[in-house]
Amino acid sequence: MKTVRPKIDLSSLELVDSVIDIKRVAKVVKGGRRFKLRAIVAVGNKNGYIGLGIGKATETADAIKKATEAARKNIVRVYVNPRGTIPYQVVGKNGASRILLKPAVEGTGIIATEAVRNILELAGIKNILTKSLGSNTSINLAKATFNGMLSLFSPEDIYLMKRGRNYEKKNQEVEND
């Protein structure tokens, strides 16, 4: 069963975007190769909201613009505790990449690769340890980090789930208020 997330009003958020990666990709056609650029962009407000987008175009600026628009459409709320870390250890997966996200004590900083660091900074995380397991391609690491962040729940959400109330029901209650 898929979790229904509440609609997020983008006008109230001050979003910052960060280009994670730009790569040239090729499509093989009858007459040779057609080259395009693929951009990966993350957007966030450094306070628990994060989005990830991918865009392709023949020009760099167009690819970044498409990726930014896709990231803004894909914004979700993630839980960051008051100490600036995650509440518990989690593994994010995408393709052949897995990333281990571990909470860290204050003063540790973000120990991660550049693609993962950008996403975590935009989410508002200040102290975390990460370990890349498997493939290290930037697109898969970025998606795996995003998936790992999506699998985090706040202590209140976990309490409600253990009590038998659905996460969706809590989200519906928030929307009705």
Protein backbone atom coordinates (compact mmCIF):
# COMPACT_ATOMS: atom_id res chain seq x y z
CA MET A 1 0.00 0.00 0.00
CA LYS A 2 1.38 3.37 -1.02
CA THR A 3 1.60 6.24 1.47
CA VAL A 4 -0.34 9.33 0.44
CA ARG A 5 1.69 12.43 1.21
CA PRO A 6 0.03 15.80 1.74
CA LYS A 7 0.26 18.46 -0.99
CA ILE A 8 3.05 20.96 -0.25
CA ASP A 9 2.58 24.68 -0.90
CA LEU A 10 5.76 25.82 -2.67
CA SER A 11 5.01 29.54 -2.30
CA SER A 12 5.63 29.39 1.47
CA LEU A 13 9.06 27.71 1.06
CA GLU A 14 12.31 29.50 0.26
CA LEU A 15 13.86 26.84 -1.96
CA VAL A 16 17.54 26.61 -2.83
CA ASP A 17 18.64 24.47 -5.76
CA SER A 18 21.90 22.62 -6.27
CA VAL A 19 23.18 20.96 -9.44
CA ILE A 20 24.44 17.54 -8.42
CA ASP A 21 25.73 16.29 -11.76
CA ILE A 22 25.80 17.06 -15.49
CA LYS A 23 26.72 14.25 -17.87
CA ARG A 24 26.71 13.79 -21.63
CA VAL A 25 24.55 10.87 -22.73
CA ALA A 26 24.24 9.37 -26.21
CA LYS A 27 21.46 7.73 -28.18
CA VAL A 28 22.68 5.51 -31.00
CA VAL A 29 20.71 6.03 -34.22
CA LYS A 30 21.13 4.86 -37.81
CA GLY A 31 23.46 7.71 -38.77
CA GLY A 32 25.62 7.66 -35.63
CA ARG A 33 25.13 9.05 -32.14
CA ARG A 34 22.87 11.81 -30.85
CA PHE A 35 24.27 13.57 -27.80
CA LYS A 36 22.28 15.22 -25.02
CA LEU A 37 23.10 16.47 -21.56
CA ARG A 38 21.54 14.98 -18.44
CA ALA A 39 21.35 17.17 -15.33
CA ILE A 40 20.50 16.06 -11.79
CA VAL A 41 19.23 18.84 -9.53
CA ALA A 42 18.15 18.81 -5.89
CA VAL A 43 16.03 21.54 -4.31
CA GLY A 44 15.33 22.10 -0.63
CA ASN A 45 14.76 24.70 2.05
CA LYS A 46 17.37 23.34 4.51
CA ASN A 47 14.57 22.67 6.99
CA GLY A 48 13.08 19.28 6.12
CA TYR A 49 11.83 19.76 2.55
CA ILE A 50 13.71 18.13 -0.33
CA GLY A 51 13.11 17.35 -4.01
CA LEU A 52 15.13 15.56 -6.68
CA GLY A 53 14.77 15.99 -10.45
CA ILE A 54 16.42 14.85 -13.67
CA GLY A 55 16.31 16.68 -16.99
CA LYS A 56 17.73 16.04 -20.45
CA ALA A 57 18.27 18.54 -23.26
CA THR A 58 20.72 19.44 -26.00
CA GLU A 59 21.83 22.57 -24.10
CA THR A 60 23.15 22.68 -20.53
CA ALA A 61 20.90 25.53 -19.38
CA ASP A 62 17.78 23.78 -20.72
CA ALA A 63 18.71 20.50 -19.00
CA ILE A 64 19.24 22.28 -15.66
CA LYS A 65 15.94 24.16 -16.06
CA LYS A 66 14.02 20.92 -16.78
CA ALA A 67 15.66 19.15 -13.85
CA THR A 68 14.86 22.05 -11.50
CA GLU A 69 11.19 22.01 -12.57
CA ALA A 70 11.05 18.24 -12.04
CA ALA A 71 12.63 18.60 -8.59
CA ARG A 72 10.10 21.28 -7.56
CA LYS A 73 7.25 18.94 -8.56
CA ASN A 74 8.84 16.15 -6.50
CA ILE A 75 9.22 17.95 -3.15
CA VAL A 76 8.53 15.91 -0.01
CA ARG A 77 8.82 16.47 3.72
CA VAL A 78 11.50 14.45 5.52
CA TYR A 79 12.04 14.18 9.24
CA VAL A 80 15.15 15.82 10.72
CA ASN A 81 15.42 15.77 14.50
CA PRO A 82 16.35 18.91 16.50
CA ARG A 83 20.02 17.82 16.76
CA GLY A 84 20.31 18.10 12.96
CA THR A 85 20.61 14.38 12.26
CA ILE A 86 18.32 11.47 11.41
CA PRO A 87 16.55 9.52 14.17
CA TYR A 88 17.83 6.05 13.23
CA GLN A 89 20.01 4.17 10.75
CA VAL A 90 18.48 3.51 7.33
CA VAL A 91 19.60 2.03 4.00
CA GLY A 92 18.41 3.68 0.78
CA LYS A 93 18.35 1.60 -2.40
CA ASN A 94 18.17 2.35 -6.09
CA GLY A 95 19.37 0.07 -8.86
CA ALA A 96 22.73 -1.43 -7.92
CA SER A 97 23.43 1.37 -5.42
CA ARG A 98 22.75 1.23 -1.73
CA ILE A 99 23.63 3.93 0.75
CA LEU A 100 23.82 3.54 4.50
CA LEU A 101 22.74 6.65 6.42
CA LYS A 102 23.75 6.65 10.10
CA PRO A 103 22.95 9.28 12.72
CA ALA A 104 25.96 11.10 14.15
CA VAL A 105 26.70 13.16 17.25
CA GLU A 106 26.81 16.93 17.11
CA GLY A 107 30.00 18.33 15.59
CA THR A 108 30.56 15.40 13.21
CA GLY A 109 29.38 17.18 10.07
CA ILE A 110 28.30 15.47 6.88
CA ILE A 111 30.61 12.60 5.94
CA ALA A 112 29.48 11.77 2.40
CA THR A 113 30.24 11.97 -1.32
CA GLU A 114 29.40 15.16 -3.19
CA ALA A 115 26.09 13.90 -4.66
CA VAL A 116 24.87 12.65 -1.28
CA ARG A 117 26.19 15.71 0.59
CA ASN A 118 24.19 18.14 -1.58
CA ILE A 119 20.92 16.32 -0.91
CA LEU A 120 21.53 16.02 2.83
CA GLU A 121 22.51 19.70 3.17
CA LEU A 122 19.38 20.82 1.33
CA ALA A 123 17.27 18.63 3.63
CA GLY A 124 18.73 20.45 6.65
CA ILE A 125 20.87 17.63 8.04
CA LYS A 126 24.06 18.81 9.74
CA ASN A 127 25.51 15.63 11.31
CA ILE A 128 25.43 12.27 9.55
CA LEU A 129 27.68 9.38 8.54
CA THR A 130 27.18 7.67 5.17
CA LYS A 131 28.63 4.62 3.46
CA SER A 132 28.17 3.80 -0.21
CA LEU A 133 27.45 0.11 -0.77
CA GLY A 134 27.50 -1.16 -4.34
CA SER A 135 27.53 1.06 -7.42
CA ASN A 136 28.85 4.60 -7.04
CA THR A 137 27.21 6.33 -10.01
CA SER A 138 26.00 9.79 -9.04
CA ILE A 139 22.44 9.35 -10.32
CA ASN A 140 21.90 6.08 -8.45
CA LEU A 141 23.48 7.44 -5.27
CA ALA A 142 21.28 10.55 -5.43
CA LYS A 143 18.12 8.48 -5.92
CA ALA A 144 19.16 6.00 -3.21
CA THR A 145 19.74 8.87 -0.76
CA PHE A 146 16.34 10.35 -1.62
CA ASN A 147 14.67 6.93 -1.14
CA GLY A 148 16.45 6.49 2.19
CA MET A 149 15.26 9.90 3.37
CA LEU A 150 11.69 9.02 2.33
CA SER A 151 11.77 5.90 4.49
CA LEU A 152 12.42 7.93 7.66
CA PHE A 153 9.54 8.49 10.07
CA SER A 154 9.29 10.83 13.03
CA PRO A 155 8.88 9.32 16.52
CA GLU A 156 5.25 10.51 16.53
CA ASP A 157 4.54 8.69 13.25
CA ILE A 158 6.12 5.49 14.57
CA TYR A 159 4.04 5.73 17.75
CA LEU A 160 0.85 6.11 15.69
CA MET A 161 1.79 3.16 13.46
CA LYS A 162 2.45 0.91 16.46
CA ARG A 163 -0.88 1.94 17.97
CA GLY A 164 -2.66 0.70 14.86
CA ARG A 165 -3.54 4.05 13.33
CA ASN A 166 -2.51 4.45 9.71
CA TYR A 167 0.05 6.98 8.56
CA GLU A 168 -2.40 8.02 5.81
CA LYS A 169 -5.07 8.78 8.43
CA LYS A 170 -2.68 11.13 10.25
CA ASN A 171 -1.90 12.91 6.97
CA GLN A 172 -5.62 13.32 6.25
CA GLU A 173 -6.10 14.84 9.68
CA VAL A 174 -3.33 17.34 9.00
CA GLU A 175 -4.94 18.35 5.70
CA ASN A 176 -8.35 18.90 7.34
CA ASP A 177 -7.02 21.24 10.04
